[in-house]
Amino acid sequence: DVITFRLKAGSNIGIASVSVKAAAGDVNAGQHIELDVRMPGGLVTDVVEAAISKGEMWKQAIKFPGVTGSNAITLETARIPPLNLGKRLSFLIRYPHGCVEQTTSAVFPQLYLDKLLELSPDKQDKIQQNVKAGIGRLRTFQTTDGGFAYWPGETRAQDWVSNYAGHFLLEAEKAGYLLPLRVISAWKTYQRKKAISWGPDRTRSELIQAYRLYTLALSGAAELGAMNRLREERNLPTAARWRLASAYHLAGQPEAAEDLIQDRKISISAYRELSNTYGSDLRDKAMILESLCLMGRPEDAMPIAKAISSELGSTKSLSTQTTAYALVAMARHAGISGNSDEMKFAFSWNNGEEVAVSSKHPLVQMQLDAGDSSSGIIVVRNTGDTMLYPRVILEGIPAVGTETAAKNGLKLSADYFTLKGKPLNHTNLDQGTDFVVRVTVTNSGHSGDYEEVALSHVFPSGWEIRNTRMDMSDSDAPDLGPESDYDYQDIRDDRVYTYFDIRQGESKIFRILLNASYLGKFYLPMITAETMYDATINGRIPGEWIQVAEAGEGG
């Protein structure tokens, strides 16, 4: 006989255990099973901050944003205006969409973290693991001509990310990391060929070329002819002018570098790109700050550093490209500005013992124990002579059912069908049912076409994705109907990420084949879509509970 048991997960996350014991006469048997209980929702981050003068104390009640077991708390204290380092870096590392730009952005700032804060041996080891993994993954993006494509497997290299990924690899090599054979030599060949054949042909093409020339100069292979041609371009944009000046500086021609920037105001108009260079005015300012640091101009760098620090310290949504470059530039600035002012403070968490801290680094991060509490109290005392900017970064996964719908330039709808195309009730299905979800994404905004849109679709634990690429032959795969084109699709165990461009007013349809596999009640997380380089353009469908029932009991 087969006996089934219904189990109900508790409200906390973590490892649950089930013990089964059976006895028949003198015979006994048992089994211990561990189950990983997790929340299907996404991680959220809250920040509480203050500014405390010499001798002052900050006492703050804390409420965690997530369910018990999912929460984390970090105390970040700085003697410079806050960079929001913990939150910004966590955003880069945990960003789920793994294109070449985001892969590079996740690891690039980690090369310079030691300029900003003291790193424990464990933290240093973790950074090394992350950087090595990033270097390894970048190999999957390199094309046969030596450049880097936006998605793995694509055959055409993209100009900006070839600059960006190559720049990171050069800096990683300088930091002592071993690069795969021929990756840099092939990339240099590609960069040199593109530099020599360049002509202004699209928006920000001068910046793309200037960055290309900078990376070649950084690699010790400066293309002076191409640099001189770009220098003669009329009305060279500010960001391109400073990047080209950096290239001349690296090439050993400081007079040419100085001539380019002499008496030039640093002014960048506000903008944000969804593709091309994935840039923004803040990203360009960060690139200029990096140039100022390289050329040894700390006085000119200070006002830009303060402006970037203010943006990083705000709650404003920033793209991966902007976040990463801003952190890289600020770390470089910290490296040239010195550590003359020692920071001293003492703190206690949840009425525990007070801990004294002193550091000459600009910033100190300390991971605290969240425990099983839903709240707590943090106390920070400034025991030094400088102004301090403490902030508490709280992370956690909130309880299910708290999501809301949104239509911010993108409108989503999800419909469910049998394999024969008949509508069905997806909230109560028979075990073993194959079915199709059809998601329609519409560009409902008034800002033109959207590029680099990411559709994130996570499925409940009771459903399985039927990956027709892997588990079916062409003859066995059902006809799911017409589907819109996309740039790349990432099918994982419990979710599908789809990436595409969409014109204003256009609707795109994406279908996924699923199976109701496991009996029980499960939560279907919200479905979201957003432009990857401007998170304010988004749409979402709230989550809901679904049931997988015994055959004949669903519907």
Protein backbone atom coordinates (compact mmCIF):
# COMPACT_ATOMS: atom_id res chain seq x y z
CA ASP A 1 0.00 0.00 0.00
CA VAL A 2 1.00 3.61 -0.61
CA ILE A 3 0.09 6.07 2.11
CA THR A 4 0.29 9.80 1.35
CA PHE A 5 0.71 12.55 3.92
CA ARG A 6 -0.09 16.23 3.59
CA LEU A 7 2.56 18.56 5.02
CA LYS A 8 2.19 22.28 5.57
CA ALA A 9 5.21 24.55 5.55
CA GLY A 10 5.50 26.97 8.43
CA SER A 11 5.84 30.71 8.10
CA ASN A 12 9.64 30.67 8.48
CA ILE A 13 12.19 29.66 5.88
CA GLY A 14 15.09 27.25 6.25
CA ILE A 15 15.63 23.48 6.39
CA ALA A 16 12.59 21.54 7.64
CA SER A 17 12.87 17.86 8.58
CA VAL A 18 10.41 15.01 8.28
CA SER A 19 10.90 11.72 10.15
CA VAL A 20 9.04 8.59 9.10
CA LYS A 21 9.11 5.44 11.25
CA ALA A 22 7.46 2.11 10.52
CA ALA A 23 7.20 -1.05 12.60
CA ALA A 24 5.92 -4.52 11.79
CA GLY A 25 6.39 -7.09 14.52
CA ASP A 26 10.06 -7.08 15.43
CA VAL A 27 11.09 -5.16 12.31
CA ASN A 28 11.60 -1.39 12.49
CA ALA A 29 12.50 1.06 9.72
CA GLY A 30 12.86 4.77 9.54
CA GLN A 31 13.90 7.62 7.30
CA HIS A 32 14.82 11.23 7.94
CA ILE A 33 14.12 13.67 5.10
CA GLU A 34 15.21 17.32 4.91
CA LEU A 35 13.22 19.83 2.91
CA ASP A 36 14.40 23.30 1.92
CA VAL A 37 11.55 25.71 2.69
CA ARG A 38 11.94 29.01 0.84
CA MET A 39 9.85 32.02 0.03
CA PRO A 40 8.97 32.35 -3.66
CA GLY A 41 9.17 36.15 -3.53
CA GLY A 42 12.16 38.36 -4.19
CA LEU A 43 14.59 40.00 -1.78
CA VAL A 44 13.81 43.57 -0.71
CA THR A 45 16.20 46.09 0.84
CA ASP A 46 15.49 48.89 3.30
CA VAL A 47 17.99 51.50 4.50
CA VAL A 48 17.95 53.58 7.69
CA GLU A 49 20.61 56.29 7.97
CA ALA A 50 21.83 59.20 10.05
CA ALA A 51 24.67 61.73 10.43
CA ILE A 52 26.33 62.05 13.85
CA SER A 53 28.86 64.66 14.98
CA LYS A 54 31.74 64.17 17.39
CA GLY A 55 30.51 62.87 20.75
CA GLU A 56 26.93 62.31 19.56
CA MET A 57 24.91 59.07 19.71
CA TRP A 58 22.38 57.61 17.27
CA LYS A 59 19.77 55.18 18.57
CA GLN A 60 17.39 53.62 16.07
CA ALA A 61 14.61 51.03 16.30
CA ILE A 62 14.83 48.51 13.45
CA LYS A 63 12.03 46.50 11.82
CA PHE A 64 13.09 43.73 9.45
CA PRO A 65 11.38 43.65 6.04
CA GLY A 66 11.22 39.87 5.66
CA VAL A 67 9.95 36.72 7.30
CA THR A 68 12.04 35.04 9.99
CA GLY A 69 15.07 33.28 8.54
CA SER A 70 15.33 35.48 5.47
CA ASN A 71 16.61 38.66 7.10
CA ALA A 72 20.11 40.13 7.12
CA ILE A 73 21.46 43.32 8.70
CA THR A 74 24.63 45.26 7.88
CA LEU A 75 25.97 48.30 9.71
CA GLU A 76 27.82 50.57 7.28
CA THR A 77 29.65 53.55 8.78
CA ALA A 78 31.55 56.12 6.72
CA ARG A 79 33.56 59.29 7.28
CA ILE A 80 32.58 60.47 3.79
CA PRO A 81 29.05 61.17 2.56
CA PRO A 82 27.42 57.73 2.22
CA LEU A 83 27.87 55.72 -0.99
CA ASN A 84 25.16 53.21 -0.08
CA LEU A 85 27.88 50.67 -0.85
CA GLY A 86 26.22 47.64 0.70
CA LYS A 87 22.92 48.11 -1.10
CA ARG A 88 24.46 49.11 -4.43
CA LEU A 89 26.97 46.25 -4.46
CA SER A 90 24.32 43.75 -3.41
CA PHE A 91 22.15 44.96 -6.29
CA LEU A 92 24.97 44.28 -8.78
CA ILE A 93 25.84 40.85 -7.42
CA ARG A 94 22.25 39.63 -7.13
CA TYR A 95 20.92 41.11 -10.37
CA PRO A 96 19.50 38.00 -12.08
CA HIS A 97 19.95 38.86 -15.76
CA GLY A 98 23.38 37.67 -16.88
CA CYS A 99 24.28 39.53 -20.06
CA VAL A 100 27.92 40.51 -20.61
CA GLU A 101 27.39 44.06 -19.31
CA GLN A 102 25.77 42.85 -16.09
CA THR A 103 28.31 40.05 -15.65
CA THR A 104 31.10 42.63 -15.89
CA SER A 105 29.31 45.16 -13.68
CA ALA A 106 28.88 42.59 -10.91
CA VAL A 107 32.63 42.02 -10.52
CA PHE A 108 34.34 45.20 -11.75
CA PRO A 109 33.85 47.25 -8.52
CA GLN A 110 35.02 44.30 -6.42
CA LEU A 111 38.55 44.79 -7.77
CA TYR A 112 38.78 48.03 -5.78
CA LEU A 113 36.80 47.37 -2.61
CA ASP A 114 39.98 47.39 -0.53
CA LYS A 115 40.34 51.10 -1.36
CA LEU A 116 37.02 51.82 0.34
CA LEU A 117 36.84 49.46 3.31
CA GLU A 118 38.76 46.95 5.36
CA LEU A 119 38.26 43.42 4.09
CA SER A 120 38.35 40.39 6.34
CA PRO A 121 40.14 37.27 5.04
CA ASP A 122 36.77 35.64 4.35
CA LYS A 123 35.62 38.69 2.41
CA GLN A 124 38.85 38.74 0.41
CA ASP A 125 38.39 35.05 -0.46
CA LYS A 126 34.80 35.65 -1.52
CA ILE A 127 35.83 38.56 -3.75
CA GLN A 128 38.51 36.43 -5.39
CA GLN A 129 35.96 33.69 -6.05
CA ASN A 130 33.52 36.20 -7.55
CA VAL A 131 36.14 37.80 -9.80
CA LYS A 132 37.47 34.44 -11.01
CA ALA A 133 33.92 33.27 -11.76
CA GLY A 134 33.26 36.50 -13.68
CA ILE A 135 36.42 36.07 -15.73
CA GLY A 136 35.44 32.50 -16.53
CA ARG A 137 31.93 33.46 -17.57
CA LEU A 138 33.16 36.26 -19.84
CA ARG A 139 34.84 33.64 -22.03
CA THR A 140 31.39 32.43 -23.08
CA PHE A 141 30.63 35.86 -24.57
CA GLN A 142 33.78 36.23 -26.68
CA THR A 143 33.18 35.99 -30.43
CA THR A 144 35.50 34.48 -33.03
CA ASP A 145 36.81 37.93 -34.01
CA GLY A 146 37.88 38.68 -30.41
CA GLY A 147 35.11 41.06 -29.35
CA PHE A 148 32.34 40.35 -26.84
CA ALA A 149 28.67 39.69 -27.64
CA TYR A 150 25.82 40.84 -25.44
CA TRP A 151 24.48 37.29 -24.87
CA PRO A 152 26.35 33.95 -24.79
CA GLY A 153 26.35 32.21 -28.14
CA GLU A 154 25.74 35.31 -30.23
CA THR A 155 28.14 35.67 -33.16
CA ARG A 156 28.24 39.45 -33.49
CA ALA A 157 30.32 41.49 -31.05
CA GLN A 158 28.90 44.69 -29.55
CA ASP A 159 31.15 47.74 -29.45
CA TRP A 160 30.52 49.16 -25.98
CA VAL A 161 30.53 45.89 -24.06
CA SER A 162 33.71 44.86 -25.90
CA ASN A 163 35.32 48.01 -24.46
CA TYR A 164 33.82 47.45 -21.02
CA ALA A 165 34.57 43.73 -20.64
CA GLY A 166 38.10 44.24 -22.01
CA HIS A 167 38.69 47.12 -19.58
CA PHE A 168 37.69 44.91 -16.65
CA LEU A 169 39.92 42.06 -17.83
CA LEU A 170 42.93 44.39 -18.12
CA GLU A 171 42.36 45.73 -14.61
CA ALA A 172 41.86 42.20 -13.26
CA GLU A 173 45.16 41.13 -14.82
CA LYS A 174 46.89 44.14 -13.22
CA ALA A 175 45.38 43.06 -9.88
CA GLY A 176 47.05 39.64 -10.22
CA TYR A 177 44.28 37.51 -11.70
CA LEU A 178 45.26 34.93 -14.32
CA LEU A 179 43.38 35.34 -17.61
CA PRO A 180 42.58 32.54 -20.06
CA LEU A 181 45.04 32.13 -22.92
CA ARG A 182 44.41 34.22 -26.04
CA VAL A 183 41.43 36.11 -24.57
CA ILE A 184 43.32 39.42 -24.32
CA SER A 185 45.38 38.95 -27.50
CA ALA A 186 42.25 38.23 -29.55
CA TRP A 187 40.47 41.17 -27.92
CA LYS A 188 43.39 43.52 -28.73
CA THR A 189 43.25 42.46 -32.37
CA TYR A 190 39.52 43.21 -32.46
CA GLN A 191 39.92 46.59 -30.73
CA ARG A 192 42.76 47.68 -33.01
CA LYS A 193 40.81 46.74 -36.15
CA LYS A 194 37.72 48.63 -34.96
CA ALA A 195 39.78 51.67 -33.91
CA ILE A 196 41.50 52.00 -37.27
CA SER A 197 38.27 51.62 -39.29
CA TRP A 198 36.12 53.89 -37.06
CA GLY A 199 33.97 56.71 -38.36
CA PRO A 200 31.19 58.69 -36.58
CA ASP A 201 28.07 56.77 -37.50
CA ARG A 202 25.63 56.86 -34.56
CA THR A 203 24.77 58.39 -31.20
CA ARG A 204 27.74 58.57 -28.81
CA SER A 205 30.03 56.92 -31.36
CA GLU A 206 32.80 59.36 -30.32
CA LEU A 207 32.59 58.11 -26.72
CA ILE A 208 32.65 54.49 -27.91
CA GLN A 209 35.79 55.19 -29.94
CA ALA A 210 37.44 57.18 -27.15
CA TYR A 211 36.80 54.35 -24.68
CA ARG A 212 38.18 51.86 -27.23
CA LEU A 213 41.34 53.93 -27.61
CA TYR A 214 41.65 54.24 -23.84
CA THR A 215 41.54 50.46 -23.41
CA LEU A 216 44.16 49.98 -26.11
CA ALA A 217 46.43 52.52 -24.40
CA LEU A 218 45.82 50.79 -21.07
CA SER A 219 46.88 47.49 -22.64
CA GLY A 220 50.15 49.05 -23.87
CA ALA A 221 49.03 49.09 -27.52
CA ALA A 222 48.04 52.74 -28.05
CA GLU A 223 46.75 53.58 -31.55
CA LEU A 224 48.12 57.12 -31.88
CA GLY A 225 46.90 57.58 -35.43
CA ALA A 226 43.31 56.82 -34.47
CA MET A 227 43.68 58.99 -31.37
CA ASN A 228 44.85 61.94 -33.45
CA ARG A 229 41.97 61.54 -35.90
CA LEU A 230 39.41 61.53 -33.10
CA ARG A 231 41.11 64.56 -31.54
CA GLU A 232 40.41 66.52 -34.74
CA GLU A 233 36.65 65.85 -34.60
CA ARG A 234 34.64 69.03 -34.21
CA ASN A 235 32.53 69.48 -31.09
CA LEU A 236 33.91 66.41 -29.38
CA PRO A 237 31.44 65.57 -26.55
CA THR A 238 32.65 66.18 -23.00
CA ALA A 239 32.75 62.54 -21.89
CA ALA A 240 34.60 61.48 -25.06
CA ARG A 241 37.06 64.37 -24.68
CA TRP A 242 38.03 63.30 -21.15
CA ARG A 243 38.30 59.63 -22.08
CA LEU A 244 40.55 60.51 -25.02
CA ALA A 245 42.67 62.71 -22.75
CA SER A 246 43.12 59.69 -20.48
CA ALA A 247 44.26 57.65 -23.47
CA TYR A 248 46.90 60.27 -24.32
CA HIS A 249 48.02 60.31 -20.69
CA LEU A 250 48.45 56.53 -20.67
CA ALA A 251 50.27 56.71 -24.01
CA GLY A 252 52.90 59.02 -22.48
CA GLN A 253 51.69 62.24 -24.11
CA PRO A 254 50.56 64.42 -21.18
CA GLU A 255 50.80 67.63 -23.27
CA ALA A 256 48.21 66.34 -25.74
CA ALA A 257 46.03 65.23 -22.83
CA GLU A 258 46.21 68.64 -21.18
CA ASP A 259 45.48 70.43 -24.46
CA LEU A 260 42.24 68.47 -24.84
CA ILE A 261 40.82 69.43 -21.45
CA GLN A 262 42.38 72.83 -20.79
CA ASP A 263 39.80 75.44 -19.75
CA ARG A 264 36.95 73.00 -20.49
CA LYS A 265 33.94 72.97 -18.18
CA ILE A 266 32.74 69.58 -17.00
CA SER A 267 29.09 69.65 -17.95
CA ILE A 268 27.00 66.57 -18.83
CA SER A 269 23.34 66.93 -19.82
CA ALA A 270 20.92 64.53 -18.15
CA TYR A 271 20.16 61.41 -20.18
CA ARG A 272 19.63 57.67 -19.81
CA GLU A 273 20.19 55.04 -22.51
CA LEU A 274 18.39 51.69 -22.65
CA SER A 275 21.01 50.21 -25.02
CA ASN A 276 24.02 51.34 -27.14
CA THR A 277 26.43 52.42 -24.32
CA TYR A 278 23.85 51.72 -21.53
CA GLY A 279 24.88 55.10 -20.21
CA SER A 280 23.59 58.01 -18.18
CA ASP A 281 24.86 61.41 -17.16
CA LEU A 282 25.99 59.90 -13.83
CA ARG A 283 27.92 57.13 -15.60
CA ASP A 284 29.68 59.74 -17.75
CA LYS A 285 30.55 61.82 -14.69
CA ALA A 286 32.03 58.69 -13.10
CA MET A 287 34.17 58.12 -16.19
CA ILE A 288 35.40 61.71 -15.97
CA LEU A 289 36.17 61.25 -12.26
CA GLU A 290 38.23 58.18 -13.15
CA SER A 291 40.13 60.29 -15.69
CA LEU A 292 40.78 63.03 -13.13
CA CYS A 293 42.16 60.46 -10.69
CA LEU A 294 44.34 58.90 -13.37
CA MET A 295 45.76 62.30 -14.34
CA GLY A 296 46.44 63.30 -10.73
CA ARG A 297 43.94 66.16 -10.33
CA PRO A 298 42.39 65.58 -6.88
CA GLU A 299 41.16 69.18 -6.47
CA ASP A 300 39.15 69.02 -9.70
CA ALA A 301 37.92 65.56 -8.77
CA MET A 302 36.47 66.51 -5.38
CA PRO A 303 33.23 68.28 -6.53
CA ILE A 304 32.44 65.47 -8.99
CA ALA A 305 33.11 62.86 -6.32
CA LYS A 306 30.69 64.63 -3.97
CA ALA A 307 28.01 64.73 -6.67
CA ILE A 308 28.45 61.02 -7.43
CA SER A 309 28.43 60.16 -3.73
CA SER A 310 25.14 62.01 -3.34
CA GLU A 311 23.57 60.02 -6.19
CA LEU A 312 24.84 56.69 -4.85
CA GLY A 313 23.65 57.56 -1.36
CA SER A 314 20.14 58.34 -2.55
CA THR A 315 17.27 55.89 -3.03
CA LYS A 316 17.24 56.57 -6.77
CA SER A 317 17.13 53.55 -9.04
CA LEU A 318 20.38 53.25 -11.02
CA SER A 319 21.25 50.82 -13.81
CA THR A 320 23.93 48.16 -13.45
CA GLN A 321 26.26 50.12 -15.77
CA THR A 322 25.85 53.37 -13.87
CA THR A 323 26.12 51.73 -10.45
CA ALA A 324 29.25 49.78 -11.31
CA TYR A 325 31.11 52.66 -12.93
CA ALA A 326 30.18 55.05 -10.12
CA LEU A 327 31.55 52.61 -7.53
CA VAL A 328 34.73 52.02 -9.56
CA ALA A 329 35.33 55.78 -9.86
CA MET A 330 34.66 56.43 -6.17
CA ALA A 331 37.05 53.64 -5.18
CA ARG A 332 39.75 55.15 -7.42
CA HIS A 333 39.09 58.55 -5.87
CA ALA A 334 39.43 57.09 -2.38
CA GLY A 335 42.78 55.64 -3.48
CA ILE A 336 44.24 59.06 -4.39
CA SER A 337 42.59 61.14 -1.66
CA GLY A 338 44.42 59.38 1.16
CA ASN A 339 43.23 58.07 4.53
CA SER A 340 44.44 60.77 6.86
CA ASP A 341 41.35 61.03 9.07
CA GLU A 342 40.88 58.08 11.39
CA MET A 343 37.31 57.03 12.02
CA LYS A 344 36.37 55.95 15.54
CA PHE A 345 32.99 54.78 16.80
CA ALA A 346 31.33 52.27 19.08
CA PHE A 347 28.09 50.39 18.50
CA SER A 348 25.76 47.90 20.12
CA TRP A 349 23.04 45.78 18.56
CA ASN A 350 19.93 44.56 20.36
CA ASN A 351 21.22 45.48 23.81
CA GLY A 352 24.38 43.44 23.31
CA GLU A 353 27.90 44.34 24.36
CA GLU A 354 29.28 47.59 22.94
CA VAL A 355 31.98 47.10 20.27
CA ALA A 356 34.68 49.74 19.64
CA VAL A 357 35.86 50.26 16.04
CA SER A 358 38.65 52.36 14.53
CA SER A 359 39.76 52.51 10.90
CA LYS A 360 41.65 54.73 8.45
CA HIS A 361 39.54 53.46 5.56
CA PRO A 362 36.71 55.71 4.34
CA LEU A 363 34.09 53.10 5.17
CA VAL A 364 33.53 50.18 7.54
CA GLN A 365 30.99 47.41 7.01
CA MET A 366 29.94 44.99 9.74
CA GLN A 367 27.54 42.09 9.31
CA LEU A 368 25.31 41.72 12.37
CA ASP A 369 23.27 38.73 13.52
CA ALA A 370 19.62 39.08 12.54
CA GLY A 371 18.66 35.97 14.51
CA ASP A 372 14.97 35.09 14.70
CA SER A 373 13.83 38.56 15.72
CA SER A 374 11.47 40.70 13.68
CA SER A 375 12.94 43.90 15.13
CA GLY A 376 15.84 45.29 17.15
CA ILE A 377 17.67 48.42 18.31
CA ILE A 378 20.99 49.73 16.97
CA VAL A 379 23.09 52.28 18.89
CA VAL A 380 26.10 54.05 17.36
CA ARG A 381 28.37 56.50 19.25
CA ASN A 382 30.85 58.77 17.46
CA THR A 383 34.01 58.55 19.57
CA GLY A 384 36.31 60.21 17.03
CA ASP A 385 36.89 63.72 15.72
CA THR A 386 35.24 63.48 12.29
CA MET A 387 31.63 63.56 11.15
CA LEU A 388 30.21 60.06 10.70
CA TYR A 389 27.46 58.76 8.41
CA PRO A 390 26.11 55.46 9.75
CA ARG A 391 23.46 53.50 7.91
CA VAL A 392 21.76 50.19 8.55
CA ILE A 393 21.03 48.03 5.50
CA LEU A 394 18.18 45.57 6.01
CA GLU A 395 17.45 42.72 3.61
CA GLY A 396 14.71 40.14 3.70
CA ILE A 397 12.04 38.31 1.75
CA PRO A 398 8.55 39.57 2.66
CA ALA A 399 5.59 37.28 3.19
CA VAL A 400 3.74 36.20 0.07
CA GLY A 401 0.64 37.99 -1.09
CA THR A 402 1.91 41.54 -0.61
CA GLU A 403 2.63 42.32 -4.28
CA THR A 404 0.68 44.89 -6.28
CA ALA A 405 -0.05 45.24 -9.97
CA ALA A 406 1.75 47.90 -12.02
CA LYS A 407 1.60 49.38 -15.52
CA ASN A 408 4.47 51.85 -15.83
CA GLY A 409 4.99 51.95 -19.58
CA LEU A 410 4.65 48.16 -19.85
CA LYS A 411 1.37 46.25 -19.58
CA LEU A 412 1.30 42.51 -18.82
CA SER A 413 -1.36 39.83 -19.06
CA ALA A 414 -1.12 36.07 -18.47
CA ASP A 415 -3.55 33.49 -19.85
CA TYR A 416 -3.53 29.71 -19.47
CA PHE A 417 -4.61 27.08 -22.03
CA THR A 418 -4.74 23.34 -22.63
CA LEU A 419 -2.47 21.94 -25.33
CA LYS A 420 -5.48 22.15 -27.65
CA GLY A 421 -5.82 25.87 -27.03
CA LYS A 422 -8.82 25.84 -24.69
CA PRO A 423 -8.78 28.21 -21.68
CA LEU A 424 -8.35 26.51 -18.30
CA ASN A 425 -8.36 27.40 -14.62
CA HIS A 426 -4.68 27.37 -13.68
CA THR A 427 -5.37 27.83 -9.98
CA ASN A 428 -6.69 24.25 -9.57
CA LEU A 429 -5.18 21.63 -11.87
CA ASP A 430 -5.13 17.84 -11.94
CA GLN A 431 -1.74 16.30 -11.26
CA GLY A 432 -0.01 15.40 -14.51
CA THR A 433 -1.73 18.07 -16.61
CA ASP A 434 0.32 19.60 -19.41
CA PHE A 435 -0.67 23.20 -20.12
CA VAL A 436 0.55 26.45 -21.62
CA VAL A 437 0.93 29.93 -20.13
CA ARG A 438 0.77 32.80 -22.60
CA VAL A 439 2.23 36.12 -21.42
CA THR A 440 1.48 39.24 -23.45
CA VAL A 441 3.73 42.27 -23.00
CA THR A 442 2.59 45.61 -24.44
CA ASN A 443 4.60 48.81 -24.74
CA SER A 444 1.88 51.13 -23.43
CA GLY A 445 4.18 54.09 -22.79
CA HIS A 446 4.67 57.31 -24.69
CA SER A 447 8.48 57.38 -24.72
CA GLY A 448 9.13 55.52 -27.95
CA ASP A 449 10.64 52.07 -28.34
CA TYR A 450 12.02 50.13 -25.38
CA GLU A 451 15.26 48.17 -25.66
CA GLU A 452 16.71 45.44 -23.45
CA VAL A 453 13.42 44.50 -21.77
CA ALA A 454 13.56 41.56 -19.31
CA LEU A 455 10.47 39.42 -18.66
CA SER A 456 10.88 37.44 -15.41
CA HIS A 457 8.53 34.50 -14.89
CA VAL A 458 9.01 32.36 -11.77
CA PHE A 459 6.80 29.29 -11.33
CA PRO A 460 5.40 27.60 -8.20
CA SER A 461 7.09 24.52 -6.76
CA GLY A 462 4.19 22.30 -7.81
CA TRP A 463 4.72 23.03 -11.53
CA GLU A 464 7.59 21.98 -13.75
CA ILE A 465 8.82 23.68 -16.90
CA ARG A 466 8.68 21.39 -19.94
CA ASN A 467 11.76 22.56 -21.81
CA THR A 468 10.95 21.49 -25.37
CA ARG A 469 14.58 22.15 -26.36
CA MET A 470 15.82 19.50 -23.94
CA ASP A 471 13.20 16.82 -23.29
CA MET A 472 11.28 16.55 -26.57
CA SER A 473 12.10 15.84 -30.18
CA ASP A 474 10.70 18.19 -32.83
CA SER A 475 8.02 15.63 -33.69
CA ASP A 476 6.88 15.26 -30.07
CA ALA A 477 6.81 18.97 -29.18
CA PRO A 478 3.28 20.41 -29.20
CA ASP A 479 2.43 23.40 -31.36
CA LEU A 480 2.11 26.24 -28.86
CA GLY A 481 1.09 28.77 -31.49
CA PRO A 482 2.99 31.75 -32.90
CA GLU A 483 5.48 33.46 -30.62
CA SER A 484 7.17 36.84 -30.86
CA ASP A 485 10.87 37.13 -31.51
CA TYR A 486 13.29 37.68 -28.64
CA ASP A 487 17.03 38.25 -28.28
CA TYR A 488 17.75 35.62 -25.66
CA GLN A 489 15.89 33.24 -23.35
CA ASP A 490 17.30 31.73 -20.16
CA ILE A 491 15.34 28.65 -18.98
CA ARG A 492 16.20 27.54 -15.45
CA ASP A 493 14.74 24.94 -13.07
CA ASP A 494 11.92 27.10 -11.75
CA ARG A 495 11.89 30.23 -13.92
CA VAL A 496 12.27 31.63 -17.41
CA TYR A 497 13.92 34.97 -18.26
CA THR A 498 13.15 36.36 -21.73
CA TYR A 499 14.95 39.39 -23.21
CA PHE A 500 13.69 41.48 -26.12
CA ASP A 501 13.12 44.92 -27.64
CA ILE A 502 9.59 46.25 -28.16
CA ARG A 503 8.32 49.13 -30.27
CA GLN A 504 5.90 51.76 -28.94
CA GLY A 505 2.37 50.38 -29.09
CA GLU A 506 3.59 46.87 -29.94
CA SER A 507 2.52 43.71 -28.10
CA LYS A 508 4.69 40.61 -27.85
CA ILE A 509 3.54 37.11 -26.92
CA PHE A 510 5.65 34.48 -25.15
CA ARG A 511 4.51 30.93 -24.34
CA ILE A 512 5.89 28.38 -21.89
CA LEU A 513 4.87 24.71 -21.69
CA LEU A 514 4.29 23.54 -18.10
CA ASN A 515 3.22 20.45 -16.17
CA ALA A 516 1.30 20.27 -12.88
CA SER A 517 3.66 17.77 -11.26
CA TYR A 518 3.32 17.76 -7.45
CA LEU A 519 0.27 17.58 -5.23
CA GLY A 520 -0.35 20.47 -2.86
CA LYS A 521 -0.98 24.17 -2.50
CA PHE A 522 1.76 26.45 -3.81
CA TYR A 523 2.37 30.13 -4.44
CA LEU A 524 2.78 31.49 -7.97
CA PRO A 525 5.10 34.54 -7.63
CA MET A 526 4.40 37.75 -9.45
CA ILE A 527 5.32 38.11 -13.12
CA THR A 528 7.42 41.16 -13.92
CA ALA A 529 8.87 42.96 -16.93
CA GLU A 530 11.18 45.96 -16.91
CA THR A 531 13.75 47.69 -19.07
CA MET A 532 17.08 46.58 -17.63
CA TYR A 533 18.65 50.05 -17.77
CA ASP A 534 15.67 52.02 -16.43
CA ALA A 535 13.74 50.14 -13.74
CA THR A 536 11.07 52.87 -13.64
CA ILE A 537 9.70 51.40 -16.89
CA ASN A 538 8.00 48.24 -15.65
CA GLY A 539 4.87 46.15 -15.39
CA ARG A 540 3.86 43.35 -13.05
CA ILE A 541 1.09 40.85 -12.30
CA PRO A 542 0.62 40.03 -8.57
CA GLY A 543 1.21 36.50 -7.30
CA GLU A 544 -1.52 34.07 -6.27
CA TRP A 545 -2.06 30.68 -4.65
CA ILE A 546 -2.55 27.64 -6.88
CA GLN A 547 -3.56 24.02 -6.21
CA VAL A 548 -2.44 20.74 -7.79
CA ALA A 549 -5.03 18.08 -7.00
CA GLU A 550 -5.47 14.34 -7.44
CA ALA A 551 -6.51 13.34 -10.94
CA GLY A 552 -10.19 14.12 -11.42
CA GLU A 553 -10.37 16.55 -8.50
CA GLY A 554 -8.93 19.65 -10.21
CA GLY A 555 -10.72 22.30 -12.23
